[in-house]
PDB file of N, CA and C in Angstrom:
ATOM      1  N   UNK A   1      -3.935 -11.958  19.605  1.00  0.00           N
ATOM      2  CA  UNK A   1      -2.811 -11.241  20.274  1.00  0.00           C
ATOM      3  C   UNK A   1      -1.434 -10.985  20.630  1.00  0.00           C
ATOM      4  N   UNK A   2      -1.170 -12.502  20.584  1.00  0.00           N
ATOM      5  CA  UNK A   2       0.065 -12.688  20.882  1.00  0.00           C
ATOM      6  C   UNK A   2       1.108 -12.339  19.533  1.00  0.00           C
ATOM      7  N   UNK A   3       0.386 -12.505  18.155  1.00  0.00           N
ATOM      8  CA  UNK A   3       1.286 -12.388  16.983  1.00  0.00           C
ATOM      9  C   UNK A   3       1.770 -10.990  17.453  1.00  0.00           C
ATOM     10  N   UNK A   4       1.525  -9.952  17.861  1.00  0.00           N
ATOM     11  CA  UNK A   4       2.303  -8.735  17.735  1.00  0.00           C
ATOM     12  C   UNK A   4       3.229  -8.744  18.843  1.00  0.00           C
ATOM     13  N   UNK A   5       3.467 -10.071  19.663  1.00  0.00           N
ATOM     14  CA  UNK A   5       4.452  -9.721  20.646  1.00  0.00           C
ATOM     15  C   UNK A   5       5.738  -9.747  20.074  1.00  0.00           C
ATOM     16  N   UNK A   6       6.791  -8.701  20.560  1.00  0.00           N
ATOM     17  CA  UNK A   6       8.099  -8.865  20.100  1.00  0.00           C
ATOM     18  C   UNK A   6       9.041  -9.442  20.717  1.00  0.00           C
ATOM     19  N   UNK A   7       9.691 -10.389  19.644  1.00  0.00           N
ATOM     20  CA  UNK A   7      10.795 -11.474  19.951  1.00  0.00           C
ATOM     21  C   UNK A   7      12.278 -10.525  20.194  1.00  0.00           C
ATOM     22  N   UNK A   8      12.576  -9.926  19.140  1.00  0.00           N
ATOM     23  CA  UNK A   8      13.645  -8.944  18.974  1.00  0.00           C
ATOM     24  C   UNK A   8      13.330  -7.519  18.706  1.00  0.00           C
ATOM     25  N   UNK A   9      14.808  -7.223  19.569  1.00  0.00           N
ATOM     26  CA  UNK A   9      14.669  -5.363  18.884  1.00  0.00           C
ATOM     27  C   UNK A   9      16.141  -5.107  19.019  1.00  0.00           C
ATOM     28  N   UNK A  10      16.660  -4.306  17.923  1.00  0.00           N
ATOM     29  CA  UNK A  10      18.182  -3.546  17.828  1.00  0.00           C
ATOM     30  C   UNK A  10      18.022  -2.062  17.705  1.00  0.00           C
ATOM     31  N   UNK A  11      18.638  -1.356  18.433  1.00  0.00           N
ATOM     32  CA  UNK A  11      18.828  -0.146  18.332  1.00  0.00           C
ATOM     33  C   UNK A  11      19.638   0.253  16.867  1.00  0.00           C
ATOM     34  N   UNK A  12      19.143   1.200  16.452  1.00  0.00           N
ATOM     35  CA  UNK A  12      19.326   1.317  14.648  1.00  0.00           C
ATOM     36  C   UNK A  12      20.240   2.742  14.816  1.00  0.00           C
ATOM     37  N   UNK A  13      19.641   3.716  15.492  1.00  0.00           N
ATOM     38  CA  UNK A  13      20.147   4.995  15.831  1.00  0.00           C
ATOM     39  C   UNK A  13      19.063   6.071  15.551  1.00  0.00           C
ATOM     40  N   UNK A  14      19.342   7.692  16.139  1.00  0.00           N
ATOM     41  CA  UNK A  14      18.669   8.309  16.421  1.00  0.00           C
ATOM     42  C   UNK A  14      17.308   7.748  17.191  1.00  0.00           C
ATOM     43  N   UNK A  15      15.938   7.634  16.985  1.00  0.00           N
ATOM     44  CA  UNK A  15      14.588   6.991  17.396  1.00  0.00           C
ATOM     45  C   UNK A  15      14.465   6.026  16.631  1.00  0.00           C
ATOM     46  N   UNK A  16      15.573   5.161  15.898  1.00  0.00           N
ATOM     47  CA  UNK A  16      14.842   3.838  14.841  1.00  0.00           C
ATOM     48  C   UNK A  16      15.232   2.675  15.443  1.00  0.00           C
ATOM     49  N   UNK A  17      14.056   1.946  15.736  1.00  0.00           N
ATOM     50  CA  UNK A  17      14.350   0.413  16.018  1.00  0.00           C
ATOM     51  C   UNK A  17      13.769  -0.653  15.336  1.00  0.00           C
ATOM     52  N   UNK A  18      14.961  -1.336  15.295  1.00  0.00           N
ATOM     53  CA  UNK A  18      14.429  -2.690  14.153  1.00  0.00           C
ATOM     54  C   UNK A  18      13.516  -3.788  15.324  1.00  0.00           C
ATOM     55  N   UNK A  19      12.730  -4.488  14.607  1.00  0.00           N
ATOM     56  CA  UNK A  19      11.950  -5.058  15.657  1.00  0.00           C
ATOM     57  C   UNK A  19      11.677  -6.568  14.712  1.00  0.00           C
ATOM     58  N   UNK A  20      11.343  -7.630  15.489  1.00  0.00           N
ATOM     59  CA  UNK A  20      10.995  -8.920  15.012  1.00  0.00           C
ATOM     60  C   UNK A  20       9.956  -9.530  15.796  1.00  0.00           C
ATOM     61  N   UNK A  21       8.862  -9.699  15.245  1.00  0.00           N
ATOM     62  CA  UNK A  21       7.510  -9.740  15.993  1.00  0.00           C
ATOM     63  C   UNK A  21       7.352 -11.794  15.547  1.00  0.00           C
ATOM     64  N   UNK A  22       6.270 -12.221  16.559  1.00  0.00           N
ATOM     65  CA  UNK A  22       5.959 -13.572  16.610  1.00  0.00           C
ATOM     66  C   UNK A  22       5.243 -13.878  15.162  1.00  0.00           C
ATOM     67  N   UNK A  23       4.719 -13.111  14.405  1.00  0.00           N
ATOM     68  CA  UNK A  23       3.960 -13.422  13.564  1.00  0.00           C
ATOM     69  C   UNK A  23       4.863 -13.551  12.536  1.00  0.00           C
ATOM     70  N   UNK A  24       6.258 -13.095  12.113  1.00  0.00           N
ATOM     71  CA  UNK A  24       7.356 -12.850  11.449  1.00  0.00           C
ATOM     72  C   UNK A  24       7.524 -11.788  10.727  1.00  0.00           C
ATOM     73  N   UNK A  25       6.692 -10.886  11.022  1.00  0.00           N
ATOM     74  CA  UNK A  25       7.123  -9.520  10.452  1.00  0.00           C
ATOM     75  C   UNK A  25       8.532  -8.851  11.345  1.00  0.00           C
ATOM     76  N   UNK A  26       9.034  -8.469  10.166  1.00  0.00           N
ATOM     77  CA  UNK A  26      10.268  -7.654  10.624  1.00  0.00           C
ATOM     78  C   UNK A  26      10.513  -6.429   9.719  1.00  0.00           C
ATOM     79  N   UNK A  27      10.798  -5.432  10.848  1.00  0.00           N
ATOM     80  CA  UNK A  27      10.752  -3.875  10.259  1.00  0.00           C
ATOM     81  C   UNK A  27      11.404  -2.937  11.304  1.00  0.00           C
ATOM     82  N   UNK A  28      11.779  -1.944  10.729  1.00  0.00           N
ATOM     83  CA  UNK A  28      12.379  -0.315  11.365  1.00  0.00           C
ATOM     84  C   UNK A  28      10.936   0.445  11.506  1.00  0.00           C
ATOM     85  N   UNK A  29      10.836   0.997  13.023  1.00  0.00           N
ATOM     86  CA  UNK A  29      10.121   2.138  12.916  1.00  0.00           C
ATOM     87  C   UNK A  29      11.069   3.187  13.475  1.00  0.00           C
ATOM     88  N   UNK A  30      10.649   4.485  13.080  1.00  0.00           N
ATOM     89  CA  UNK A  30      11.227   5.605  14.081  1.00  0.00           C
ATOM     90  C   UNK A  30       9.867   6.249  14.773  1.00  0.00           C
ATOM     91  N   UNK A  31      10.385   6.043  15.989  1.00  0.00           N
ATOM     92  CA  UNK A  31       9.582   6.421  17.128  1.00  0.00           C
ATOM     93  C   UNK A  31       9.771   7.857  17.532  1.00  0.00           C
ATOM     94  N   UNK A  32      10.310   8.633  16.785  1.00  0.00           N
ATOM     95  CA  UNK A  32      10.482  10.239  17.203  1.00  0.00           C
ATOM     96  C   UNK A  32       9.560  10.926  17.300  1.00  0.00           C
ATOM     97  N   UNK A  33       8.541  10.752  16.281  1.00  0.00           N
ATOM     98  CA  UNK A  33       7.455  11.600  16.200  1.00  0.00           C
ATOM     99  C   UNK A  33       6.016  10.825  17.316  1.00  0.00           C
ATOM    100  N   UNK A  34       6.431   9.945  17.593  1.00  0.00           N
ATOM    101  CA  UNK A  34       5.514   9.032  18.759  1.00  0.00           C
ATOM    102  C   UNK A  34       6.052   9.840  20.224  1.00  0.00           C
ATOM    103  N   UNK A  35       6.882  10.485  20.099  1.00  0.00           N
ATOM    104  CA  UNK A  35       7.865  10.723  21.655  1.00  0.00           C
ATOM    105  C   UNK A  35       6.925  12.054  22.451  1.00  0.00           C
ATOM    106  N   UNK A  36       5.815  11.869  22.691  1.00  0.00           N
ATOM    107  CA  UNK A  36       5.115  13.140  23.093  1.00  0.00           C
ATOM    108  C   UNK A  36       4.414  12.704  24.269  1.00  0.00           C
ATOM    109  N   UNK A  37       4.299  13.935  25.221  1.00  0.00           N
ATOM    110  CA  UNK A  37       3.745  13.445  26.737  1.00  0.00           C
ATOM    111  C   UNK A  37       5.170  13.240  27.714  1.00  0.00           C
ATOM    112  N   UNK A  38       4.953  13.842  29.146  1.00  0.00           N
ATOM    113  CA  UNK A  38       5.982  13.874  29.992  1.00  0.00           C
ATOM    114  C   UNK A  38       6.974  12.429  30.051  1.00  0.00           C
ATOM    115  N   UNK A  39       6.093  11.329  29.859  1.00  0.00           N
ATOM    116  CA  UNK A  39       6.718  10.193  29.986  1.00  0.00           C
ATOM    117  C   UNK A  39       7.770   9.910  29.060  1.00  0.00           C
ATOM    118  N   UNK A  40       7.415  10.274  27.761  1.00  0.00           N
ATOM    119  CA  UNK A  40       8.664  10.180  26.674  1.00  0.00           C
ATOM    120  C   UNK A  40       9.643  11.161  26.627  1.00  0.00           C
ATOM    121  N   UNK A  41       9.017  12.433  27.373  1.00  0.00           N
ATOM    122  CA  UNK A  41      10.198  13.833  27.268  1.00  0.00           C
ATOM    123  C   UNK A  41      12.051  12.920  27.160  1.00  0.00           C
ATOM    124  N   UNK A  42      12.305  12.286  28.733  1.00  0.00           N
ATOM    125  CA  UNK A  42      13.369  11.803  28.344  1.00  0.00           C
ATOM    126  C   UNK A  42      14.048  10.688  27.345  1.00  0.00           C
ATOM    127  N   UNK A  43      12.963  10.075  26.784  1.00  0.00           N
ATOM    128  CA  UNK A  43      13.593   9.524  25.594  1.00  0.00           C
ATOM    129  C   UNK A  43      13.746  10.187  24.197  1.00  0.00           C
ATOM    130  N   UNK A  44      13.528  11.652  23.950  1.00  0.00           N
ATOM    131  CA  UNK A  44      14.081  12.227  23.500  1.00  0.00           C
ATOM    132  C   UNK A  44      15.465  12.292  23.026  1.00  0.00           C
ATOM    133  N   UNK A  45      16.058  12.099  23.927  1.00  0.00           N
ATOM    134  CA  UNK A  45      17.457  12.030  23.882  1.00  0.00           C
ATOM    135  C   UNK A  45      17.923  10.630  23.618  1.00  0.00           C
ATOM    136  N   UNK A  46      18.674  10.526  22.321  1.00  0.00           N
ATOM    137  CA  UNK A  46      18.959   8.961  21.614  1.00  0.00           C
ATOM    138  C   UNK A  46      19.716   8.565  22.811  1.00  0.00           C
ATOM    139  N   UNK A  47      20.444   8.984  23.339  1.00  0.00           N
ATOM    140  CA  UNK A  47      21.086   8.123  24.457  1.00  0.00           C
ATOM    141  C   UNK A  47      20.572   7.375  25.516  1.00  0.00           C
ATOM    142  N   UNK A  48      19.602   8.140  25.925  1.00  0.00           N
ATOM    143  CA  UNK A  48      18.517   7.423  26.817  1.00  0.00           C
ATOM    144  C   UNK A  48      17.553   6.704  26.069  1.00  0.00           C
ATOM    145  N   UNK A  49      17.110   7.200  24.798  1.00  0.00           N
ATOM    146  CA  UNK A  49      15.780   6.335  24.015  1.00  0.00           C
ATOM    147  C   UNK A  49      16.796   4.943  23.551  1.00  0.00           C
ATOM    148  N   UNK A  50      18.042   4.748  23.414  1.00  0.00           N
ATOM    149  CA  UNK A  50      18.641   3.497  23.249  1.00  0.00           C
ATOM    150  C   UNK A  50      18.729   2.214  23.914  1.00  0.00           C
ATOM    151  N   UNK A  51      18.173   2.787  25.831  1.00  0.00           N
ATOM    152  CA  UNK A  51      18.516   1.767  26.390  1.00  0.00           C
ATOM    153  C   UNK A  51      17.248   1.041  26.901  1.00  0.00           C
ATOM    154  N   UNK A  52      16.341   0.655  25.638  1.00  0.00           N
ATOM    155  CA  UNK A  52      15.277  -0.309  25.685  1.00  0.00           C
ATOM    156  C   UNK A  52      15.803  -1.686  25.686  1.00  0.00           C
ATOM    157  N   UNK A  53      14.397  -2.115  26.336  1.00  0.00           N
ATOM    158  CA  UNK A  53      14.505  -3.700  26.466  1.00  0.00           C
ATOM    159  C   UNK A  53      13.092  -4.078  26.043  1.00  0.00           C
ATOM    160  N   UNK A  54      12.950  -5.446  25.547  1.00  0.00           N
ATOM    161  CA  UNK A  54      11.669  -6.145  25.258  1.00  0.00           C
ATOM    162  C   UNK A  54      11.390  -7.018  26.615  1.00  0.00           C
ATOM    163  N   UNK A  55      10.377  -6.433  27.410  1.00  0.00           N
ATOM    164  CA  UNK A  55       9.561  -6.684  28.274  1.00  0.00           C
ATOM    165  C   UNK A  55       9.299  -8.187  28.438  1.00  0.00           C
ATOM    166  N   UNK A  56      10.023  -9.021  29.405  1.00  0.00           N
ATOM    167  CA  UNK A  56       9.690 -10.320  29.316  1.00  0.00           C
ATOM    168  C   UNK A  56       8.329 -10.557  29.321  1.00  0.00           C
ATOM    169  N   UNK A  57       7.508 -10.371  29.809  1.00  0.00           N
ATOM    170  CA  UNK A  57       5.832 -10.877  30.230  1.00  0.00           C
ATOM    171  C   UNK A  57       5.336  -9.877  28.910  1.00  0.00           C
ATOM    172  N   UNK A  58       5.176  -8.824  29.015  1.00  0.00           N
ATOM    173  CA  UNK A  58       4.377  -8.146  28.041  1.00  0.00           C
ATOM    174  C   UNK A  58       4.877  -8.253  26.537  1.00  0.00           C
ATOM    175  N   UNK A  59       6.192  -8.610  26.264  1.00  0.00           N
ATOM    176  CA  UNK A  59       6.895  -8.413  24.597  1.00  0.00           C
ATOM    177  C   UNK A  59       6.454  -7.386  24.241  1.00  0.00           C
ATOM    178  N   UNK A  60       7.081  -6.053  24.610  1.00  0.00           N
ATOM    179  CA  UNK A  60       6.734  -4.860  23.946  1.00  0.00           C
ATOM    180  C   UNK A  60       7.995  -4.201  24.307  1.00  0.00           C
ATOM    181  N   UNK A  61       8.467  -2.978  23.465  1.00  0.00           N
ATOM    182  CA  UNK A  61       9.572  -2.332  23.987  1.00  0.00           C
ATOM    183  C   UNK A  61       9.136  -1.359  25.559  1.00  0.00           C
ATOM    184  N   UNK A  62      10.313  -1.538  26.287  1.00  0.00           N
ATOM    185  CA  UNK A  62       9.882  -0.392  27.777  1.00  0.00           C
ATOM    186  C   UNK A  62      11.003   0.093  28.012  1.00  0.00           C
ATOM    187  N   UNK A  63      10.984   1.044  28.784  1.00  0.00           N
ATOM    188  CA  UNK A  63      12.259   1.944  29.131  1.00  0.00           C
ATOM    189  C   UNK A  63      12.289   1.959  30.071  1.00  0.00           C
ATOM    190  N   UNK A  64      13.731   2.466  31.047  1.00  0.00           N
ATOM    191  CA  UNK A  64      13.676   2.098  32.586  1.00  0.00           C
ATOM    192  C   UNK A  64      12.855   3.182  33.247  1.00  0.00           C
ATOM    193  N   UNK A  65      12.507   4.562  32.829  1.00  0.00           N
ATOM    194  CA  UNK A  65      11.492   5.243  33.312  1.00  0.00           C
ATOM    195  C   UNK A  65      10.211   4.606  33.177  1.00  0.00           C
ATOM    196  N   UNK A  66       9.527   3.402  32.585  1.00  0.00           N
ATOM    197  CA  UNK A  66       8.467   3.498  32.796  1.00  0.00           C
ATOM    198  C   UNK A  66       7.538   3.661  31.394  1.00  0.00           C
ATOM    199  N   UNK A  67       8.261   4.239  30.607  1.00  0.00           N
ATOM    200  CA  UNK A  67       7.689   4.461  28.909  1.00  0.00           C
ATOM    201  C   UNK A  67       7.624   3.023  28.322  1.00  0.00           C
ATOM    202  N   UNK A  68       6.559   2.827  27.398  1.00  0.00           N
ATOM    203  CA  UNK A  68       6.284   1.419  26.664  1.00  0.00           C
ATOM    204  C   UNK A  68       5.182   2.183  25.580  1.00  0.00           C
ATOM    205  N   UNK A  69       5.670   0.953  24.534  1.00  0.00           N
ATOM    206  CA  UNK A  69       4.338   1.313  23.334  1.00  0.00           C
ATOM    207  C   UNK A  69       3.896   0.077  23.286  1.00  0.00           C
ATOM    208  N   UNK A  70       2.399  -0.124  22.886  1.00  0.00           N
ATOM    209  CA  UNK A  70       1.515  -0.998  22.875  1.00  0.00           C
ATOM    210  C   UNK A  70       2.305  -2.115  21.620  1.00  0.00           C
ATOM    211  N   UNK A  71       2.250  -3.349  21.826  1.00  0.00           N
ATOM    212  CA  UNK A  71       3.064  -4.004  20.820  1.00  0.00           C
ATOM    213  C   UNK A  71       2.227  -3.753  19.296  1.00  0.00           C
ATOM    214  N   UNK A  72       0.946  -3.481  19.413  1.00  0.00           N
ATOM    215  CA  UNK A  72       0.185  -3.628  18.309  1.00  0.00           C
ATOM    216  C   UNK A  72       0.646  -2.105  17.687  1.00  0.00           C
ATOM    217  N   UNK A  73       0.691  -1.322  18.423  1.00  0.00           N
ATOM    218  CA  UNK A  73       1.259   0.240  18.043  1.00  0.00           C
ATOM    219  C   UNK A  73       2.537  -0.230  16.686  1.00  0.00           C
ATOM    220  N   UNK A  74       3.596  -0.768  17.586  1.00  0.00           N
ATOM    221  CA  UNK A  74       4.786  -1.039  16.946  1.00  0.00           C
ATOM    222  C   UNK A  74       4.856  -1.993  15.865  1.00  0.00           C
ATOM    223  N   UNK A  75       4.018  -2.690  15.699  1.00  0.00           N
ATOM    224  CA  UNK A  75       3.564  -3.715  14.888  1.00  0.00           C
ATOM    225  C   UNK A  75       3.638  -2.844  13.481  1.00  0.00           C
ATOM    226  N   UNK A  76       2.499  -2.114  13.859  1.00  0.00           N
ATOM    227  CA  UNK A  76       1.496  -1.377  12.827  1.00  0.00           C
ATOM    228  C   UNK A  76       2.022  -0.532  12.004  1.00  0.00           C
ATOM    229  N   UNK A  77       3.066  -0.194  12.791  1.00  0.00           N
ATOM    230  CA  UNK A  77       3.597   1.360  12.497  1.00  0.00           C
ATOM    231  C   UNK A  77       4.917   1.539  11.512  1.00  0.00           C
ATOM    232  N   UNK A  78       5.511   0.040  11.596  1.00  0.00           N
ATOM    233  CA  UNK A  78       6.988   0.111  10.696  1.00  0.00           C
ATOM    234  C   UNK A  78       6.656   0.616   9.189  1.00  0.00           C
ATOM    235  N   UNK A  79       7.508   1.319   8.655  1.00  0.00           N
ATOM    236  CA  UNK A  79       7.596   1.629   7.061  1.00  0.00           C
ATOM    237  C   UNK A  79       8.314   0.679   6.346  1.00  0.00           C
ATOM    238  N   UNK A  80       9.219   0.312   7.058  1.00  0.00           N
ATOM    239  CA  UNK A  80      10.417  -0.916   6.234  1.00  0.00           C
ATOM    240  C   UNK A  80      10.184  -1.931   6.993  1.00  0.00           C
ATOM    241  N   UNK A  81      10.064  -3.378   5.918  1.00  0.00           N
ATOM    242  CA  UNK A  81       9.451  -4.253   6.865  1.00  0.00           C
ATOM    243  C   UNK A  81      10.313  -5.326   5.851  1.00  0.00           C
ATOM    244  N   UNK A  82      10.446  -6.606   6.567  1.00  0.00           N
ATOM    245  CA  UNK A  82      11.091  -7.530   5.625  1.00  0.00           C
ATOM    246  C   UNK A  82      10.094  -9.060   5.826  1.00  0.00           C
ATOM    247  N   UNK A  83       9.854  -9.654   4.863  1.00  0.00           N
ATOM    248  CA  UNK A  83       9.028 -11.013   4.926  1.00  0.00           C
ATOM    249  C   UNK A  83       9.854 -12.005   4.155  1.00  0.00           C
ATOM    250  N   UNK A  84       9.901 -13.186   4.886  1.00  0.00           N
ATOM    251  CA  UNK A  84      10.807 -14.210   4.302  1.00  0.00           C
ATOM    252  C   UNK A  84      10.007 -14.742   3.248  1.00  0.00           C
ATOM    253  N   UNK A  85      10.190 -14.991   1.934  1.00  0.00           N
ATOM    254  CA  UNK A  85       9.450 -16.101   1.074  1.00  0.00           C
ATOM    255  C   UNK A  85       9.925 -17.179   0.716  1.00  0.00           C
ATOM    256  N   UNK A  86       9.118 -18.472   1.452  1.00  0.00           N
ATOM    257  CA  UNK A  86       9.732 -19.580   1.015  1.00  0.00           C
ATOM    258  C   UNK A  86       9.725 -20.117  -0.189  1.00  0.00           C
ATOM    259  N   UNK A  87       8.765 -19.699  -1.307  1.00  0.00           N
ATOM    260  CA  UNK A  87       9.155 -19.863  -2.518  1.00  0.00           C
ATOM    261  C   UNK A  87      10.259 -19.280  -3.341  1.00  0.00           C
ATOM    262  N   UNK A  88      10.731 -18.473  -2.805  1.00  0.00           N
ATOM    263  CA  UNK A  88      11.780 -17.931  -3.400  1.00  0.00           C
ATOM    264  C   UNK A  88      13.261 -18.026  -2.851  1.00  0.00           C
ATOM    265  N   UNK A  89      12.956 -19.888  -2.176  1.00  0.00           N
ATOM    266  CA  UNK A  89      14.447 -20.091  -1.324  1.00  0.00           C
ATOM    267  C   UNK A  89      14.848 -20.001  -0.171  1.00  0.00           C
ATOM    268  N   UNK A  90      13.186 -19.030   0.300  1.00  0.00           N
ATOM    269  CA  UNK A  90      13.878 -18.514   1.716  1.00  0.00           C
ATOM    270  C   UNK A  90      14.252 -17.142   1.828  1.00  0.00           C
ATOM    271  N   UNK A  91      14.601 -16.511   0.765  1.00  0.00           N
ATOM    272  CA  UNK A  91      15.118 -15.065   0.720  1.00  0.00           C
ATOM    273  C   UNK A  91      14.048 -14.161   1.473  1.00  0.00           C
ATOM    274  N   UNK A  92      14.861 -13.114   1.792  1.00  0.00           N
ATOM    275  CA  UNK A  92      13.985 -11.641   2.538  1.00  0.00           C
ATOM    276  C   UNK A  92      13.710 -10.718   1.327  1.00  0.00           C
ATOM    277  N   UNK A  93      12.125 -10.566   1.209  1.00  0.00           N
ATOM    278  CA  UNK A  93      11.681  -9.486   0.587  1.00  0.00           C
ATOM    279  C   UNK A  93      11.457  -8.121   1.354  1.00  0.00           C
ATOM    280  N   UNK A  94      11.993  -6.905   1.213  1.00  0.00           N
ATOM    281  CA  UNK A  94      12.391  -5.884   1.624  1.00  0.00           C
ATOM    282  C   UNK A  94      10.943  -5.127   1.269  1.00  0.00           C
ATOM    283  N   UNK A  95      10.477  -4.640   2.049  1.00  0.00           N
ATOM    284  CA  UNK A  95       8.951  -3.649   1.310  1.00  0.00           C
ATOM    285  C   UNK A  95       8.836  -2.367   2.201  1.00  0.00           C
ATOM    286  N   UNK A  96       9.138  -1.240   1.370  1.00  0.00           N
ATOM    287  CA  UNK A  96       9.391   0.028   1.725  1.00  0.00           C
ATOM    288  C   UNK A  96       7.841   0.814   1.810  1.00  0.00           C
ATOM    289  N   UNK A  97       6.882   0.974   2.644  1.00  0.00           N
ATOM    290  CA  UNK A  97       5.819   1.592   2.934  1.00  0.00           C
ATOM    291  C   UNK A  97       5.782   3.347   2.761  1.00  0.00           C
ATOM    292  N   UNK A  98       4.652   3.812   2.446  1.00  0.00           N
ATOM    293  CA  UNK A  98       4.786   5.343   2.668  1.00  0.00           C
ATOM    294  C   UNK A  98       4.362   5.748   4.067  1.00  0.00           C
ATOM    295  N   UNK A  99       4.315   7.054   4.242  1.00  0.00           N
ATOM    296  CA  UNK A  99       4.030   6.976   5.823  1.00  0.00           C
ATOM    297  C   UNK A  99       2.967   6.835   5.997  1.00  0.00           C
ATOM    298  N   UNK A 100       1.723   6.458   5.304  1.00  0.00           N
ATOM    299  CA  UNK A 100       0.486   5.808   5.482  1.00  0.00           C
ATOM    300  C   UNK A 100       0.700   4.460   6.550  1.00  0.00           C
ATOM    301  N   UNK A 101       1.615   4.069   6.302  1.00  0.00           N
ATOM    302  CA  UNK A 101       2.281   2.727   6.744  1.00  0.00           C
ATOM    303  C   UNK A 101       1.365   1.520   5.828  1.00  0.00           C
ATOM    304  N   UNK A 102       0.815   1.914   4.886  1.00  0.00           N
ATOM    305  CA  UNK A 102      -0.097   0.744   4.171  1.00  0.00           C
ATOM    306  C   UNK A 102       0.148   0.346   2.811  1.00  0.00           C
ATOM    307  N   UNK A 103       0.648   1.768   2.095  1.00  0.00           N
ATOM    308  CA  UNK A 103       0.673   1.751   0.667  1.00  0.00           C
ATOM    309  C   UNK A 103       2.548   2.016   0.217  1.00  0.00           C
ATOM    310  N   UNK A 104       2.720   0.568  -0.357  1.00  0.00           N
ATOM    311  CA  UNK A 104       3.881  -0.039  -0.897  1.00  0.00           C
ATOM    312  C   UNK A 104       4.410   0.894  -1.728  1.00  0.00           C
ATOM    313  N   UNK A 105       5.802   1.484  -1.499  1.00  0.00           N
ATOM    314  CA  UNK A 105       6.306   2.328  -2.288  1.00  0.00           C
ATOM    315  C   UNK A 105       7.363   1.427  -3.317  1.00  0.00           C
ATOM    316  N   UNK A 106       7.991   0.412  -2.597  1.00  0.00           N
ATOM    317  CA  UNK A 106       8.950   0.040  -3.258  1.00  0.00           C
ATOM    318  C   UNK A 106       9.063  -1.556  -2.761  1.00  0.00           C
ATOM    319  N   UNK A 107       9.226  -2.643  -3.259  1.00  0.00           N
ATOM    320  CA  UNK A 107       9.950  -3.834  -2.777  1.00  0.00           C
ATOM    321  C   UNK A 107      10.852  -4.699  -3.597  1.00  0.00           C
ATOM    322  N   UNK A 108      11.759  -5.314  -3.128  1.00  0.00           N
ATOM    323  CA  UNK A 108      12.557  -5.865  -3.690  1.00  0.00           C
ATOM    324  C   UNK A 108      13.459  -7.011  -2.758  1.00  0.00           C
ATOM    325  N   UNK A 109      14.010  -8.073  -3.337  1.00  0.00           N
ATOM    326  CA  UNK A 109      14.892  -9.003  -2.477  1.00  0.00           C
ATOM    327  C   UNK A 109      16.192  -8.020  -1.999  1.00  0.00           C
ATOM    328  N   UNK A 110      16.248  -8.322  -0.533  1.00  0.00           N
ATOM    329  CA  UNK A 110      17.420  -7.518   0.302  1.00  0.00           C
ATOM    330  C   UNK A 110      18.709  -8.541   0.179  1.00  0.00           C
ATOM    331  N   UNK A 111      19.702  -7.745  -0.574  1.00  0.00           N
ATOM    332  CA  UNK A 111      20.663  -8.763  -0.380  1.00  0.00           C
ATOM    333  C   UNK A 111      21.480  -9.412   0.428  1.00  0.00           C
ATOM    334  N   UNK A 112      21.469  -8.102   1.726  1.00  0.00           N
ATOM    335  CA  UNK A 112      22.308  -8.411   2.972  1.00  0.00           C
ATOM    336  C   UNK A 112      21.600  -8.789   4.353  1.00  0.00           C
ATOM    337  N   UNK A 113      20.187  -9.327   3.897  1.00  0.00           N
ATOM    338  CA  UNK A 113      19.655  -9.304   5.114  1.00  0.00           C
ATOM    339  C   UNK A 113      19.501 -10.723   5.274  1.00  0.00           C
ATOM    340  N   UNK A 114      20.003 -11.310   6.400  1.00  0.00           N
ATOM    341  CA  UNK A 114      20.053 -12.876   6.909  1.00  0.00           C
ATOM    342  C   UNK A 114      19.077 -13.128   8.183  1.00  0.00           C
TER     343      UNK A 114
END
């Protein structure tokens, strides 16, 4: 279960977050479709949404109003992921998935990701 622990998160824009997990998975996730229900209502405002942190104990995104997402959800729902490929000199392979989160749409070595 700890492989799903979030280590780092950055606000990208809108409702998109870049995340890095303990297992090495790196990716972006658009959480806008998941903002359903009363606890997520305030997060529909991007200015409120961007105020997340990674909880130091639970290692997932949390907001001041108590909203959070299970780390497994965040890990498995990313549609743009990067993985470091040691056999390619440590370069990062960027993988774009279709909306199902499994089917690969495209994959290429990222020129600007470090």
